[in-house]
Amino acid sequence: MKKQSPALDLTTYLAARWAAMMLGIFPVNANLRTARTFGSLLWTLDGKHRARAIENLGRSFPDLPHDRIERIGRQSIEHFCELAMDVLFTTRIINVETWHRYVHLNNMQTALNVALRGRGAIVLTGHYGNWEILGFTLATLGFRTYSIARPIDNPHIDSWLLGVREKRGQIILSKRGVTTTAQEVLQNKGILGFIADQNAGPKGLFVPFFGRLASTYKSIGLLAIQYRVPVMIGYARRRGDRFEFDLGVTDIIQPEDWDAQPDELRYITERYTRAIETFVREDPSQYLWIHRRWKTRPKRETPPASSA
């Protein structure tokens, strides 16, 4: 890792806090419009990430015309910028009395019943919609949730956003200062959340995702098997262009579902990855197509033919 400059970290943090204070003067939906404008500009100027998004979308949706691919890619970047605004305003807007004005639960009764049993569960989502508000809403509703998150390189911004994310009772487990482990959460029948569409590197399990093998972490399936807890795969999808979301669950994998499988780990990993793909397909413009989901390739995979 590159060595961080303490002075630059502090300056960046102060600038971010100042910007957040200025943005707080305006209503959230006005700021979302600003975020979309900035995202559109970013799409135009950032050729590297634009090219990556177009490549990922083109290989995931080979039947879509190029202009549609570009439109989805631009909307994806705009949505990612909106997410930054969401994070700044979530704790100001959503509480136990107001959450239902902004968050709508879709067919979640079974999932809530699983969570209320108090036997523990793993909750998964992807880089889709507002993945932050999923855990925040569960915490607001009184569920003791723990989420695995990578710490931000700037320690000042990391501490600031950690306080924002934990304001309603959600606990963030990161590499920085962790006192509770994922194993302890499940041993104590807690609810453990993951963003489950990260590239897992050469040691990951390769399973299909949008027609291509993608390296996927084994730890989620191994934890589910070891502690015999259900795995729930859900999403928080933005409604239109406002601060308003649909929360839903695409699939629930119960321990008895994998008991008869010849390869339990592969079964769980393939099934939850397929569930993520299902909700992404429902509105691909809310997926983060610039992230390197397919970066690591299987050793024996034949390289794609050159277009030259």
Protein backbone atom coordinates (compact mmCIF):
# COMPACT_ATOMS: atom_id res chain seq x y z
CA MET A 1 0.00 0.00 0.00
CA LYS A 2 1.09 3.54 -0.66
CA LYS A 3 2.06 5.45 2.44
CA GLN A 4 -0.60 8.00 3.31
CA SER A 5 0.29 11.63 4.04
CA PRO A 6 -1.15 12.64 7.45
CA ALA A 7 -1.41 16.28 6.31
CA LEU A 8 -3.23 15.32 3.11
CA ASP A 9 -5.54 12.98 5.03
CA LEU A 10 -6.50 15.75 7.45
CA THR A 11 -6.98 18.30 4.66
CA THR A 12 -9.18 15.88 2.70
CA TYR A 13 -11.23 15.11 5.79
CA LEU A 14 -11.79 18.79 6.62
CA ALA A 15 -12.79 19.48 3.02
CA ALA A 16 -15.24 16.58 3.09
CA ARG A 17 -16.80 17.77 6.35
CA TRP A 18 -17.12 21.30 4.97
CA ALA A 19 -18.76 20.00 1.81
CA ALA A 20 -21.16 17.88 3.86
CA MET A 21 -22.08 20.91 5.96
CA MET A 22 -22.76 23.01 2.84
CA LEU A 23 -24.82 20.27 1.23
CA GLY A 24 -26.86 19.98 4.42
CA ILE A 25 -28.33 23.40 3.70
CA PHE A 26 -30.27 21.98 0.73
CA PRO A 27 -33.00 19.30 0.64
CA VAL A 28 -31.79 15.78 -0.07
CA ASN A 29 -33.57 15.46 -3.42
CA ALA A 30 -31.99 18.69 -4.66
CA ASN A 31 -28.60 17.25 -3.72
CA LEU A 32 -29.43 14.06 -5.57
CA ARG A 33 -29.97 16.10 -8.73
CA THR A 34 -26.57 17.69 -8.18
CA ALA A 35 -25.05 14.23 -7.70
CA ARG A 36 -26.51 12.99 -10.98
CA THR A 37 -25.11 16.02 -12.81
CA PHE A 38 -21.69 15.37 -11.29
CA GLY A 39 -21.95 11.67 -12.19
CA SER A 40 -22.77 12.50 -15.80
CA LEU A 41 -19.73 14.78 -15.95
CA LEU A 42 -17.58 12.07 -14.39
CA TRP A 43 -18.78 9.59 -17.00
CA THR A 44 -17.70 11.98 -19.75
CA LEU A 45 -14.28 12.79 -18.27
CA ASP A 46 -13.18 9.46 -16.74
CA GLY A 47 -12.33 7.37 -19.77
CA LYS A 48 -10.75 4.53 -17.77
CA HIS A 49 -13.82 3.71 -15.71
CA ARG A 50 -16.17 4.45 -18.59
CA ALA A 51 -14.37 1.85 -20.70
CA ARG A 52 -14.49 -0.69 -17.85
CA ALA A 53 -18.21 -0.20 -17.34
CA ILE A 54 -18.93 -0.54 -21.06
CA GLU A 55 -16.84 -3.71 -21.25
CA ASN A 56 -18.53 -5.28 -18.21
CA LEU A 57 -22.00 -4.35 -19.46
CA GLY A 58 -21.31 -5.46 -23.02
CA ARG A 59 -20.15 -8.91 -21.88
CA SER A 60 -23.01 -9.23 -19.39
CA PHE A 61 -25.72 -8.12 -21.84
CA PRO A 62 -24.38 -9.12 -25.27
CA ASP A 63 -27.77 -8.62 -26.95
CA LEU A 64 -28.17 -4.97 -25.94
CA PRO A 65 -27.28 -2.25 -28.47
CA HIS A 66 -24.28 -0.08 -27.73
CA ASP A 67 -26.30 3.06 -27.07
CA ARG A 68 -28.33 1.22 -24.43
CA ILE A 69 -25.10 -0.09 -22.85
CA GLU A 70 -23.73 3.45 -22.65
CA ARG A 71 -26.97 4.77 -21.14
CA ILE A 72 -26.95 2.12 -18.41
CA GLY A 73 -23.27 2.80 -17.73
CA ARG A 74 -23.87 6.53 -17.36
CA GLN A 75 -26.85 5.92 -15.06
CA SER A 76 -24.71 3.56 -12.98
CA ILE A 77 -22.10 6.28 -12.36
CA GLU A 78 -24.82 8.81 -11.60
CA HIS A 79 -26.35 6.39 -9.13
CA PHE A 80 -22.99 5.83 -7.43
CA CYS A 81 -22.68 9.60 -6.89
CA GLU A 82 -26.22 9.64 -5.50
CA LEU A 83 -25.15 7.01 -2.99
CA ALA A 84 -22.64 9.47 -1.49
CA MET A 85 -25.51 11.91 -0.87
CA ASP A 86 -27.62 9.12 0.61
CA VAL A 87 -24.94 8.34 3.18
CA LEU A 88 -24.76 11.98 4.28
CA PHE A 89 -28.53 12.30 4.74
CA THR A 90 -29.61 8.86 5.95
CA THR A 91 -29.05 9.49 9.65
CA ARG A 92 -30.77 12.89 9.44
CA ILE A 93 -33.86 11.52 7.70
CA ILE A 94 -34.43 7.93 8.78
CA ASN A 95 -35.37 7.02 12.33
CA VAL A 96 -37.85 4.73 14.01
CA GLU A 97 -40.70 7.19 13.38
CA THR A 98 -39.95 8.19 9.78
CA TRP A 99 -38.37 5.17 8.08
CA HIS A 100 -41.63 4.01 6.49
CA ARG A 101 -41.88 7.24 4.47
CA TYR A 102 -38.68 6.43 2.62
CA VAL A 103 -38.27 2.67 2.79
CA HIS A 104 -40.85 0.20 1.47
CA LEU A 105 -40.66 -3.47 2.39
CA ASN A 106 -41.46 -5.82 -0.51
CA ASN A 107 -42.35 -9.44 0.31
CA MET A 108 -40.03 -9.45 3.33
CA GLN A 109 -42.29 -11.15 5.86
CA THR A 110 -40.53 -14.52 5.60
CA ALA A 111 -37.11 -12.88 5.92
CA LEU A 112 -38.21 -10.85 8.94
CA ASN A 113 -39.60 -14.00 10.55
CA VAL A 114 -36.23 -15.69 10.06
CA ALA A 115 -34.47 -12.72 11.67
CA LEU A 116 -36.94 -12.63 14.58
CA ARG A 117 -36.29 -16.27 15.48
CA GLY A 118 -33.04 -15.20 17.08
CA ARG A 119 -31.06 -18.15 15.72
CA GLY A 120 -28.65 -16.09 13.67
CA ALA A 121 -28.53 -15.38 9.94
CA ILE A 122 -26.28 -14.15 7.16
CA VAL A 123 -27.63 -11.30 5.03
CA LEU A 124 -26.07 -10.68 1.63
CA THR A 125 -26.34 -7.99 -0.99
CA GLY A 126 -24.20 -6.63 -3.82
CA HIS A 127 -22.86 -3.30 -5.04
CA TYR A 128 -26.38 -2.43 -6.04
CA GLY A 129 -28.90 0.26 -5.17
CA ASN A 130 -28.20 1.68 -1.73
CA TRP A 131 -26.45 -1.23 -0.06
CA GLU A 132 -25.77 0.95 3.02
CA ILE A 133 -29.44 1.56 3.80
CA LEU A 134 -30.24 -2.14 3.96
CA GLY A 135 -28.31 -2.70 7.20
CA PHE A 136 -29.18 0.75 8.52
CA THR A 137 -32.91 0.08 8.18
CA LEU A 138 -32.66 -3.30 9.90
CA ALA A 139 -30.80 -1.63 12.76
CA THR A 140 -33.44 1.13 12.94
CA LEU A 141 -36.13 -1.56 13.23
CA GLY A 142 -34.33 -2.96 16.26
CA PHE A 143 -32.33 -5.83 14.78
CA ARG A 144 -28.78 -6.16 16.08
CA THR A 145 -26.85 -6.30 12.81
CA TYR A 146 -23.15 -6.58 12.08
CA SER A 147 -21.67 -5.77 8.68
CA ILE A 148 -18.28 -6.61 7.24
CA ALA A 149 -16.68 -3.56 5.61
CA ARG A 150 -13.29 -2.58 4.28
CA PRO A 151 -11.92 0.46 6.14
CA ILE A 152 -11.37 3.65 4.16
CA ASP A 153 -7.70 4.51 3.71
CA ASN A 154 -8.13 7.98 5.22
CA PRO A 155 -8.49 7.26 8.98
CA HIS A 156 -10.33 10.54 9.70
CA ILE A 157 -12.98 9.91 7.04
CA ASP A 158 -13.15 6.27 8.10
CA SER A 159 -13.94 7.23 11.71
CA TRP A 160 -16.46 9.85 10.61
CA LEU A 161 -18.39 7.51 8.30
CA LEU A 162 -18.16 4.71 10.86
CA GLY A 163 -20.06 6.92 13.29
CA VAL A 164 -22.67 7.67 10.62
CA ARG A 165 -23.14 4.00 9.74
CA GLU A 166 -23.39 2.89 13.37
CA LYS A 167 -25.74 5.65 14.55
CA ARG A 168 -28.84 3.41 14.68
CA GLY A 169 -27.11 0.42 16.26
CA GLN A 170 -25.54 -1.33 13.29
CA ILE A 171 -22.02 -2.55 14.09
CA ILE A 172 -19.36 -2.35 11.38
CA LEU A 173 -16.67 -5.01 11.52
CA SER A 174 -13.56 -3.80 9.72
CA LYS A 175 -9.87 -4.56 9.89
CA ARG A 176 -9.25 -1.42 11.90
CA GLY A 177 -9.85 -1.87 15.63
CA VAL A 178 -12.12 -4.92 15.42
CA THR A 179 -12.99 -6.49 18.77
CA THR A 180 -15.79 -8.75 17.50
CA THR A 181 -15.32 -11.40 14.81
CA ALA A 182 -17.78 -12.84 12.32
CA GLN A 183 -17.58 -16.17 14.12
CA GLU A 184 -18.53 -14.56 17.43
CA VAL A 185 -21.53 -12.85 15.84
CA LEU A 186 -22.92 -16.15 14.58
CA GLN A 187 -22.05 -17.99 17.79
CA ASN A 188 -24.18 -15.41 19.60
CA LYS A 189 -27.05 -15.84 17.08
CA GLY A 190 -26.52 -12.41 15.54
CA ILE A 191 -27.23 -11.16 12.02
CA LEU A 192 -24.11 -10.84 9.90
CA GLY A 193 -24.09 -8.80 6.66
CA PHE A 194 -21.77 -9.01 3.67
CA ILE A 195 -21.46 -7.34 0.30
CA ALA A 196 -21.05 -10.62 -1.52
CA ASP A 197 -20.00 -9.67 -5.05
CA GLN A 198 -16.35 -8.81 -4.39
CA ASN A 199 -13.55 -10.30 -6.45
CA ALA A 200 -11.96 -12.93 -4.17
CA GLY A 201 -8.65 -13.33 -5.99
CA PRO A 202 -6.97 -16.58 -7.07
CA LYS A 203 -8.03 -18.47 -3.93
CA GLY A 204 -11.72 -17.78 -4.45
CA LEU A 205 -14.37 -20.18 -5.71
CA PHE A 206 -15.22 -19.55 -9.36
CA VAL A 207 -18.97 -19.52 -9.98
CA PRO A 208 -21.08 -18.13 -12.85
CA PHE A 209 -22.10 -14.48 -12.73
CA PHE A 210 -23.69 -12.99 -15.84
CA GLY A 211 -22.41 -15.85 -17.95
CA ARG A 212 -18.79 -15.61 -16.83
CA LEU A 213 -16.91 -17.28 -14.02
CA ALA A 214 -16.24 -14.86 -11.16
CA SER A 215 -13.94 -15.47 -8.19
CA THR A 216 -16.14 -15.47 -5.08
CA TYR A 217 -15.27 -15.66 -1.40
CA LYS A 218 -15.61 -19.07 0.23
CA SER A 219 -15.96 -17.65 3.73
CA ILE A 220 -19.69 -16.87 3.45
CA GLY A 221 -20.64 -20.41 2.57
CA LEU A 222 -18.22 -21.90 5.10
CA LEU A 223 -19.70 -19.77 7.90
CA ALA A 224 -23.25 -20.77 6.92
CA ILE A 225 -22.30 -24.45 6.94
CA GLN A 226 -20.37 -24.27 10.22
CA TYR A 227 -23.07 -22.41 12.16
CA ARG A 228 -26.08 -23.77 10.21
CA VAL A 229 -27.67 -20.38 9.70
CA PRO A 230 -29.89 -19.31 6.79
CA VAL A 231 -28.48 -17.08 4.08
CA MET A 232 -30.78 -14.26 2.94
CA ILE A 233 -30.03 -12.35 -0.25
CA GLY A 234 -31.64 -8.93 -0.56
CA TYR A 235 -31.43 -5.48 -2.05
CA ALA A 236 -32.33 -1.82 -1.49
CA ARG A 237 -33.39 -0.39 -4.86
CA ARG A 238 -33.93 3.32 -5.41
CA ARG A 239 -37.41 4.39 -6.46
CA GLY A 240 -37.13 6.84 -9.32
CA ASP A 241 -34.75 9.73 -8.67
CA ARG A 242 -35.68 10.48 -5.06
CA PHE A 243 -34.50 9.44 -1.60
CA GLU A 244 -36.89 6.52 -1.52
CA PHE A 245 -36.17 2.80 -1.66
CA ASP A 246 -37.70 -0.63 -2.07
CA LEU A 247 -36.22 -3.31 0.21
CA GLY A 248 -36.69 -6.88 -0.92
CA VAL A 249 -35.34 -10.40 -0.53
CA THR A 250 -34.64 -12.44 -3.66
CA ASP A 251 -33.81 -15.77 -2.02
CA ILE A 252 -33.41 -17.45 1.36
CA ILE A 253 -31.09 -20.46 1.53
CA GLN A 254 -31.98 -22.70 4.47
CA PRO A 255 -29.53 -25.24 5.98
CA GLU A 256 -31.73 -28.13 4.85
CA ASP A 257 -31.39 -26.89 1.26
CA TRP A 258 -27.69 -27.74 1.15
CA ASP A 259 -27.75 -30.86 3.32
CA ALA A 260 -28.33 -33.21 0.38
CA GLN A 261 -25.95 -31.46 -2.00
CA PRO A 262 -22.73 -33.23 -3.06
CA ASP A 263 -20.78 -29.96 -2.75
CA GLU A 264 -22.41 -27.79 -0.07
CA LEU A 265 -20.03 -24.87 -0.45
CA ARG A 266 -20.42 -24.64 -4.22
CA TYR A 267 -24.19 -24.96 -3.95
CA ILE A 268 -24.49 -22.06 -1.50
CA THR A 269 -22.03 -19.85 -3.39
CA GLU A 270 -23.64 -20.46 -6.79
CA ARG A 271 -27.13 -19.94 -5.42
CA TYR A 272 -26.50 -16.64 -3.66
CA THR A 273 -24.51 -15.35 -6.64
CA ARG A 274 -27.43 -16.25 -8.91
CA ALA A 275 -29.79 -14.39 -6.55
CA ILE A 276 -27.63 -11.25 -6.78
CA GLU A 277 -27.66 -11.52 -10.57
CA THR A 278 -31.46 -11.82 -10.48
CA PHE A 279 -32.05 -8.48 -8.76
CA VAL A 280 -29.33 -6.73 -10.79
CA ARG A 281 -31.08 -7.78 -14.00
CA GLU A 282 -34.30 -6.17 -12.78
CA ASP A 283 -32.60 -2.74 -12.99
CA PRO A 284 -28.96 -2.94 -14.12
CA SER A 285 -28.57 0.85 -13.99
CA GLN A 286 -28.24 0.63 -10.20
CA TYR A 287 -25.29 -1.80 -10.27
CA LEU A 288 -21.70 -0.62 -9.87
CA TRP A 289 -20.38 -1.75 -13.25
CA ILE A 290 -17.01 -0.04 -12.78
CA HIS A 291 -15.89 -2.42 -10.04
CA ARG A 292 -13.60 -5.26 -11.07
CA ARG A 293 -15.85 -8.22 -10.39
CA TRP A 294 -14.23 -10.42 -13.05
CA LYS A 295 -10.63 -9.30 -12.53
CA THR A 296 -9.26 -12.71 -11.45
CA ARG A 297 -9.55 -15.44 -14.06
CA PRO A 298 -9.37 -19.23 -13.63
CA LYS A 299 -5.92 -20.63 -14.41
CA ARG A 300 -7.11 -22.84 -17.26
CA GLU A 301 -9.43 -20.32 -18.87
CA THR A 302 -8.81 -19.61 -22.55
CA PRO A 303 -8.14 -15.87 -23.07
CA PRO A 304 -10.77 -14.08 -25.18
CA ALA A 305 -9.94 -13.76 -28.87
CA SER A 306 -8.39 -10.46 -29.90
CA SER A 307 -10.72 -8.10 -31.72
CA ALA A 308 -7.86 -6.97 -33.97
